[in-house]
Amino acid sequence: LAYGGFNLCPSEACNPADGEGSCELPAAKPT
């Protein structure tokens, strides 16, 4: 569930369960 964003990288380094990840986020910010 990306809630309007496009950063779907499943790595926990990029999208951890808590806190911010290390991926460069795309322009569309998720809600």
PDB file of all heavy atoms in Angstrom:
ATOM      1  N   LEU A   1       0.855  -1.179   0.000  1.00  0.00           N
ATOM      2  CA  LEU A   1       0.000   0.000   0.000  1.00  0.00           C
ATOM      3  C   LEU A   1       0.892   1.230   0.000  1.00  0.00           C
ATOM      4  O   LEU A   1       1.604   1.500   0.974  1.00  0.00           O
ATOM      5  CB  LEU A   1      -0.912   0.002   1.239  1.00  0.00           C
ATOM      6  CG  LEU A   1      -1.805  -1.240   1.405  1.00  0.00           C
ATOM      7  CD1 LEU A   1      -2.603  -1.150   2.694  1.00  0.00           C
ATOM      8  CD2 LEU A   1      -2.741  -1.401   0.209  1.00  0.00           C
ATOM      9  N   ALA A   2       0.873   1.973  -1.112  1.00  0.00           N
ATOM     10  CA  ALA A   2       1.791   3.108  -1.268  1.00  0.00           C
ATOM     11  C   ALA A   2       1.128   4.445  -1.017  1.00  0.00           C
ATOM     12  O   ALA A   2       1.805   5.460  -0.934  1.00  0.00           O
ATOM     13  CB  ALA A   2       2.398   3.096  -2.663  1.00  0.00           C
ATOM     14  N   TYR A   3      -0.196   4.489  -0.928  1.00  0.00           N
ATOM     15  CA  TYR A   3      -0.942   5.709  -0.596  1.00  0.00           C
ATOM     16  C   TYR A   3      -0.554   6.900  -1.466  1.00  0.00           C
ATOM     17  O   TYR A   3      -0.301   7.997  -0.982  1.00  0.00           O
ATOM     18  CB  TYR A   3      -0.779   6.046   0.887  1.00  0.00           C
ATOM     19  CG  TYR A   3      -1.325   4.978   1.797  1.00  0.00           C
ATOM     20  CD1 TYR A   3      -0.473   4.156   2.545  1.00  0.00           C
ATOM     21  CD2 TYR A   3      -2.693   4.745   1.880  1.00  0.00           C
ATOM     22  CE1 TYR A   3      -0.980   3.154   3.366  1.00  0.00           C
ATOM     23  CE2 TYR A   3      -3.204   3.741   2.699  1.00  0.00           C
ATOM     24  CZ  TYR A   3      -2.341   2.956   3.430  1.00  0.00           C
ATOM     25  OH  TYR A   3      -2.851   1.957   4.234  1.00  0.00           O
ATOM     26  N   GLY A   4      -0.515   6.651  -2.777  1.00  0.00           N
ATOM     27  CA  GLY A   4      -0.246   7.732  -3.698  1.00  0.00           C
ATOM     28  C   GLY A   4       1.214   7.934  -4.033  1.00  0.00           C
ATOM     29  O   GLY A   4       1.539   8.732  -4.912  1.00  0.00           O
ATOM     30  N   GLY A   5       2.120   7.240  -3.368  1.00  0.00           N
ATOM     31  CA  GLY A   5       3.547   7.336  -3.684  1.00  0.00           C
ATOM     32  C   GLY A   5       3.942   6.270  -4.684  1.00  0.00           C
ATOM     33  O   GLY A   5       3.129   5.440  -5.096  1.00  0.00           O
ATOM     34  N   PHE A   6       5.200   6.268  -5.082  1.00  0.00           N
ATOM     35  CA  PHE A   6       5.695   5.283  -6.039  1.00  0.00           C
ATOM     36  C   PHE A   6       6.885   4.504  -5.511  1.00  0.00           C
ATOM     37  O   PHE A   6       7.376   3.588  -6.171  1.00  0.00           O
ATOM     38  CB  PHE A   6       6.093   5.974  -7.348  1.00  0.00           C
ATOM     39  CG  PHE A   6       4.938   6.621  -8.053  1.00  0.00           C
ATOM     40  CD1 PHE A   6       4.840   8.003  -8.126  1.00  0.00           C
ATOM     41  CD2 PHE A   6       3.940   5.855  -8.625  1.00  0.00           C
ATOM     42  CE1 PHE A   6       3.773   8.610  -8.770  1.00  0.00           C
ATOM     43  CE2 PHE A   6       2.867   6.450  -9.270  1.00  0.00           C
ATOM     44  CZ  PHE A   6       2.775   7.833  -9.343  1.00  0.00           C
ATOM     45  N   ASN A   7       7.396   4.856  -4.327  1.00  0.00           N
ATOM     46  CA  ASN A   7       8.557   4.162  -3.783  1.00  0.00           C
ATOM     47  C   ASN A   7       8.103   2.851  -3.151  1.00  0.00           C
ATOM     48  O   ASN A   7       7.767   2.797  -1.972  1.00  0.00           O
ATOM     49  CB  ASN A   7       9.270   5.042  -2.756  1.00  0.00           C
ATOM     50  CG  ASN A   7      10.510   4.373  -2.184  1.00  0.00           C
ATOM     51  OD1 ASN A   7      10.884   3.286  -2.615  1.00  0.00           O
ATOM     52  ND2 ASN A   7      11.139   5.010  -1.227  1.00  0.00           N
ATOM     53  N   LEU A   8       8.106   1.789  -3.945  1.00  0.00           N
ATOM     54  CA  LEU A   8       7.623   0.483  -3.485  1.00  0.00           C
ATOM     55  C   LEU A   8       8.761  -0.472  -3.152  1.00  0.00           C
ATOM     56  O   LEU A   8       8.544  -1.669  -3.011  1.00  0.00           O
ATOM     57  CB  LEU A   8       6.732  -0.150  -4.559  1.00  0.00           C
ATOM     58  CG  LEU A   8       5.584   0.713  -5.100  1.00  0.00           C
ATOM     59  CD1 LEU A   8       4.751  -0.074  -6.091  1.00  0.00           C
ATOM     60  CD2 LEU A   8       4.715   1.237  -3.974  1.00  0.00           C
ATOM     61  N   CYS A   9       9.971   0.041  -3.025  1.00  0.00           N
ATOM     62  CA  CYS A   9      11.114  -0.829  -2.745  1.00  0.00           C
ATOM     63  C   CYS A   9      10.875  -1.612  -1.463  1.00  0.00           C
ATOM     64  O   CYS A   9      10.654  -1.018  -0.398  1.00  0.00           O
ATOM     65  CB  CYS A   9      12.392   0.000  -2.615  1.00  0.00           C
ATOM     66  SG  CYS A   9      13.830  -0.999  -2.178  1.00  0.00           S
ATOM     67  N   PRO A  10      10.901  -2.953  -1.525  1.00  0.00           N
ATOM     68  CA  PRO A  10      10.599  -3.749  -0.339  1.00  0.00           C
ATOM     69  C   PRO A  10      11.728  -3.858   0.662  1.00  0.00           C
ATOM     70  O   PRO A  10      11.522  -4.384   1.761  1.00  0.00           O
ATOM     71  CB  PRO A  10      10.261  -5.120  -0.921  1.00  0.00           C
ATOM     72  CG  PRO A  10      11.037  -5.189  -2.185  1.00  0.00           C
ATOM     73  CD  PRO A  10      11.068  -3.785  -2.723  1.00  0.00           C
ATOM     74  N   SER A  11      12.924  -3.393   0.324  1.00  0.00           N
ATOM     75  CA  SER A  11      14.036  -3.491   1.259  1.00  0.00           C
ATOM     76  C   SER A  11      13.717  -2.749   2.549  1.00  0.00           C
ATOM     77  O   SER A  11      13.220  -1.625   2.530  1.00  0.00           O
ATOM     78  CB  SER A  11      15.302  -2.908   0.637  1.00  0.00           C
ATOM     79  OG  SER A  11      16.308  -2.756   1.610  1.00  0.00           O
ATOM     80  N   GLU A  12      14.030  -3.387   3.673  1.00  0.00           N
ATOM     81  CA  GLU A  12      13.792  -2.721   4.957  1.00  0.00           C
ATOM     82  C   GLU A  12      14.713  -1.526   5.155  1.00  0.00           C
ATOM     83  O   GLU A  12      14.428  -0.636   5.956  1.00  0.00           O
ATOM     84  CB  GLU A  12      13.963  -3.735   6.093  1.00  0.00           C
ATOM     85  CG  GLU A  12      12.869  -4.786   6.107  1.00  0.00           C
ATOM     86  CD  GLU A  12      13.039  -5.777   7.241  1.00  0.00           C
ATOM     87  OE1 GLU A  12      12.621  -5.458   8.373  1.00  0.00           O
ATOM     88  OE2 GLU A  12      13.608  -6.854   6.990  1.00  0.00           O
ATOM     89  N   ALA A  13      15.833  -1.479   4.423  1.00  0.00           N
ATOM     90  CA  ALA A  13      16.707  -0.312   4.489  1.00  0.00           C
ATOM     91  C   ALA A  13      16.034   0.900   3.864  1.00  0.00           C
ATOM     92  O   ALA A  13      16.258   2.037   4.294  1.00  0.00           O
ATOM     93  CB  ALA A  13      18.024  -0.599   3.773  1.00  0.00           C
ATOM     94  N   CYS A  14      15.202   0.664   2.843  1.00  0.00           N
ATOM     95  CA  CYS A  14      14.546   1.769   2.144  1.00  0.00           C
ATOM     96  C   CYS A  14      13.187   2.110   2.747  1.00  0.00           C
ATOM     97  O   CYS A  14      12.829   3.279   2.843  1.00  0.00           O
ATOM     98  CB  CYS A  14      14.367   1.406   0.679  1.00  0.00           C
ATOM     99  SG  CYS A  14      15.923   1.326  -0.217  1.00  0.00           S
ATOM    100  N   ASN A  15      12.437   1.100   3.102  1.00  0.00           N
ATOM    101  CA  ASN A  15      11.111   1.308   3.669  1.00  0.00           C
ATOM    102  C   ASN A  15      10.970   0.494   4.958  1.00  0.00           C
ATOM    103  O   ASN A  15      10.326  -0.555   4.974  1.00  0.00           O
ATOM    104  CB  ASN A  15      10.025   0.896   2.669  1.00  0.00           C
ATOM    105  CG  ASN A  15       9.795   1.944   1.600  1.00  0.00           C
ATOM    106  OD1 ASN A  15       9.551   3.117   1.908  1.00  0.00           O
ATOM    107  ND2 ASN A  15       9.876   1.545   0.347  1.00  0.00           N
ATOM    108  N   PRO A  16      11.577   0.975   6.045  1.00  0.00           N
ATOM    109  CA  PRO A  16      11.481   0.236   7.308  1.00  0.00           C
ATOM    110  C   PRO A  16      10.069   0.330   7.881  1.00  0.00           C
ATOM    111  O   PRO A  16       9.276   1.211   7.509  1.00  0.00           O
ATOM    112  CB  PRO A  16      12.489   0.955   8.207  1.00  0.00           C
ATOM    113  CG  PRO A  16      12.551   2.337   7.662  1.00  0.00           C
ATOM    114  CD  PRO A  16      12.373   2.209   6.176  1.00  0.00           C
ATOM    115  N   ALA A  17       9.766  -0.586   8.785  1.00  0.00           N
ATOM    116  CA  ALA A  17       8.448  -0.541   9.429  1.00  0.00           C
ATOM    117  C   ALA A  17       8.285   0.725  10.254  1.00  0.00           C
ATOM    118  O   ALA A  17       7.179   1.264  10.381  1.00  0.00           O
ATOM    119  CB  ALA A  17       8.261  -1.782  10.301  1.00  0.00           C
ATOM    120  N   ASP A  18       9.374   1.230  10.820  1.00  0.00           N
ATOM    121  CA  ASP A  18       9.341   2.456  11.615  1.00  0.00           C
ATOM    122  C   ASP A  18      10.459   3.385  11.152  1.00  0.00           C
ATOM    123  O   ASP A  18      11.571   2.944  10.882  1.00  0.00           O
ATOM    124  CB  ASP A  18       9.529   2.147  13.103  1.00  0.00           C
ATOM    125  CG  ASP A  18       8.429   1.241  13.643  1.00  0.00           C
ATOM    126  OD1 ASP A  18       7.256   1.620  13.522  1.00  0.00           O
ATOM    127  OD2 ASP A  18       8.765   0.166  14.155  1.00  0.00           O
ATOM    128  N   GLY A  19      10.174   4.663  11.081  1.00  0.00           N
ATOM    129  CA  GLY A  19      11.200   5.637  10.744  1.00  0.00           C
ATOM    130  C   GLY A  19      11.355   5.814   9.247  1.00  0.00           C
ATOM    131  O   GLY A  19      10.625   5.228   8.442  1.00  0.00           O
ATOM    132  N   GLU A  20      12.309   6.658   8.849  1.00  0.00           N
ATOM    133  CA  GLU A  20      12.554   6.951   7.452  1.00  0.00           C
ATOM    134  C   GLU A  20      13.624   6.031   6.884  1.00  0.00           C
ATOM    135  O   GLU A  20      14.573   5.656   7.562  1.00  0.00           O
ATOM    136  CB  GLU A  20      12.986   8.411   7.286  1.00  0.00           C
ATOM    137  CG  GLU A  20      11.894   9.418   7.642  1.00  0.00           C
ATOM    138  CD  GLU A  20      12.291  10.829   7.294  1.00  0.00           C
ATOM    139  OE1 GLU A  20      13.385  11.006   6.714  1.00  0.00           O
ATOM    140  OE2 GLU A  20      11.514  11.746   7.585  1.00  0.00           O
ATOM    141  N   GLY A  21      13.465   5.702   5.602  1.00  0.00           N
ATOM    142  CA  GLY A  21      14.424   4.840   4.943  1.00  0.00           C
ATOM    143  C   GLY A  21      15.476   5.628   4.186  1.00  0.00           C
ATOM    144  O   GLY A  21      15.533   6.856   4.264  1.00  0.00           O
ATOM    145  N   SER A  22      16.296   4.891   3.426  1.00  0.00           N
ATOM    146  CA  SER A  22      17.426   5.509   2.746  1.00  0.00           C
ATOM    147  C   SER A  22      17.204   5.696   1.251  1.00  0.00           C
ATOM    148  O   SER A  22      18.098   6.158   0.557  1.00  0.00           O
ATOM    149  CB  SER A  22      18.686   4.654   2.961  1.00  0.00           C
ATOM    150  OG  SER A  22      18.489   3.337   2.465  1.00  0.00           O
ATOM    151  N   CYS A  23      16.017   5.331   0.713  1.00  0.00           N
ATOM    152  CA  CYS A  23      15.769   5.508  -0.709  1.00  0.00           C
ATOM    153  C   CYS A  23      15.547   6.982  -1.034  1.00  0.00           C
ATOM    154  O   CYS A  23      15.048   7.738  -0.206  1.00  0.00           O
ATOM    155  CB  CYS A  23      14.520   4.723  -1.142  1.00  0.00           C
ATOM    156  SG  CYS A  23      14.859   3.070  -1.754  1.00  0.00           S
ATOM    157  N   GLU A  24      15.899   7.356  -2.266  1.00  0.00           N
ATOM    158  CA  GLU A  24      15.526   8.677  -2.767  1.00  0.00           C
ATOM    159  C   GLU A  24      14.053   8.605  -3.139  1.00  0.00           C
ATOM    160  O   GLU A  24      13.652   7.824  -3.996  1.00  0.00           O
ATOM    161  CB  GLU A  24      16.355   9.058  -3.991  1.00  0.00           C
ATOM    162  CG  GLU A  24      15.930  10.392  -4.599  1.00  0.00           C
ATOM    163  CD  GLU A  24      16.764  10.748  -5.805  1.00  0.00           C
ATOM    164  OE1 GLU A  24      17.989  10.777  -5.692  1.00  0.00           O
ATOM    165  OE2 GLU A  24      16.179  10.999  -6.866  1.00  0.00           O
ATOM    166  N   LEU A  25      13.226   9.407  -2.510  1.00  0.00           N
ATOM    167  CA  LEU A  25      11.795   9.328  -2.732  1.00  0.00           C
ATOM    168  C   LEU A  25      11.417  10.019  -4.031  1.00  0.00           C
ATOM    169  O   LEU A  25      11.989  11.040  -4.396  1.00  0.00           O
ATOM    170  CB  LEU A  25      11.034   9.981  -1.575  1.00  0.00           C
ATOM    171  CG  LEU A  25      11.204   9.309  -0.214  1.00  0.00           C
ATOM    172  CD1 LEU A  25      10.448  10.092   0.848  1.00  0.00           C
ATOM    173  CD2 LEU A  25      10.717   7.877  -0.241  1.00  0.00           C
ATOM    174  N   PRO A  26      10.424   9.479  -4.759  1.00  0.00           N
ATOM    175  CA  PRO A  26       9.961  10.130  -5.979  1.00  0.00           C
ATOM    176  C   PRO A  26       9.171  11.391  -5.664  1.00  0.00           C
ATOM    177  O   PRO A  26       8.915  11.703  -4.505  1.00  0.00           O
ATOM    178  CB  PRO A  26       9.072   9.058  -6.620  1.00  0.00           C
ATOM    179  CG  PRO A  26       8.592   8.242  -5.470  1.00  0.00           C
ATOM    180  CD  PRO A  26       9.727   8.236  -4.468  1.00  0.00           C
ATOM    181  N   ALA A  27       8.768  12.096  -6.707  1.00  0.00           N
ATOM    182  CA  ALA A  27       8.109  13.388  -6.510  1.00  0.00           C
ATOM    183  C   ALA A  27       6.765  13.247  -5.822  1.00  0.00           C
ATOM    184  O   ALA A  27       6.383  14.085  -5.019  1.00  0.00           O
ATOM    185  CB  ALA A  27       7.934  14.088  -7.853  1.00  0.00           C
ATOM    186  N   ALA A  28       6.015  12.199  -6.171  1.00  0.00           N
ATOM    187  CA  ALA A  28       4.693  12.036  -5.573  1.00  0.00           C
ATOM    188  C   ALA A  28       4.840  11.543  -4.139  1.00  0.00           C
ATOM    189  O   ALA A  28       5.255  10.417  -3.893  1.00  0.00           O
ATOM    190  CB  ALA A  28       3.864  11.044  -6.391  1.00  0.00           C
ATOM    191  N   LYS A  29       4.505  12.382  -3.181  1.00  0.00           N
ATOM    192  CA  LYS A  29       4.655  12.017  -1.781  1.00  0.00           C
ATOM    193  C   LYS A  29       3.427  11.247  -1.309  1.00  0.00           C
ATOM    194  O   LYS A  29       2.291  11.665  -1.548  1.00  0.00           O
ATOM    195  CB  LYS A  29       4.835  13.267  -0.924  1.00  0.00           C
ATOM    196  CG  LYS A  29       6.027  14.139  -1.331  1.00  0.00           C
ATOM    197  CD  LYS A  29       7.339  13.409  -1.139  1.00  0.00           C
ATOM    198  CE  LYS A  29       8.523  14.325  -1.459  1.00  0.00           C
ATOM    199  NZ  LYS A  29       9.809  13.635  -1.311  1.00  0.00           N
ATOM    200  N   PRO A  30       3.611  10.130  -0.636  1.00  0.00           N
ATOM    201  CA  PRO A  30       2.455   9.378  -0.157  1.00  0.00           C
ATOM    202  C   PRO A  30       1.751  10.113   0.975  1.00  0.00           C
ATOM    203  O   PRO A  30       2.349  10.916   1.682  1.00  0.00           O
ATOM    204  CB  PRO A  30       3.083   8.068   0.347  1.00  0.00           C
ATOM    205  CG  PRO A  30       4.495   8.426   0.682  1.00  0.00           C
ATOM    206  CD  PRO A  30       4.889   9.489  -0.300  1.00  0.00           C
ATOM    207  N   THR A  31       0.454   9.848   1.100  1.00  0.00           N
ATOM    208  CA  THR A  31      -0.305  10.452   2.193  1.00  0.00           C
ATOM    209  C   THR A  31      -0.020   9.763   3.522  1.00  0.00           C
ATOM    210  O   THR A  31      -0.253  10.332   4.581  1.00  0.00           O
ATOM    211  CB  THR A  31      -1.810  10.378   1.892  1.00  0.00           C
ATOM    212  OG1 THR A  31      -2.178   9.002   1.700  1.00  0.00           O
ATOM    213  CG2 THR A  31      -2.145  11.154   0.621  1.00  0.00           C
TER     214      THR A  31
END
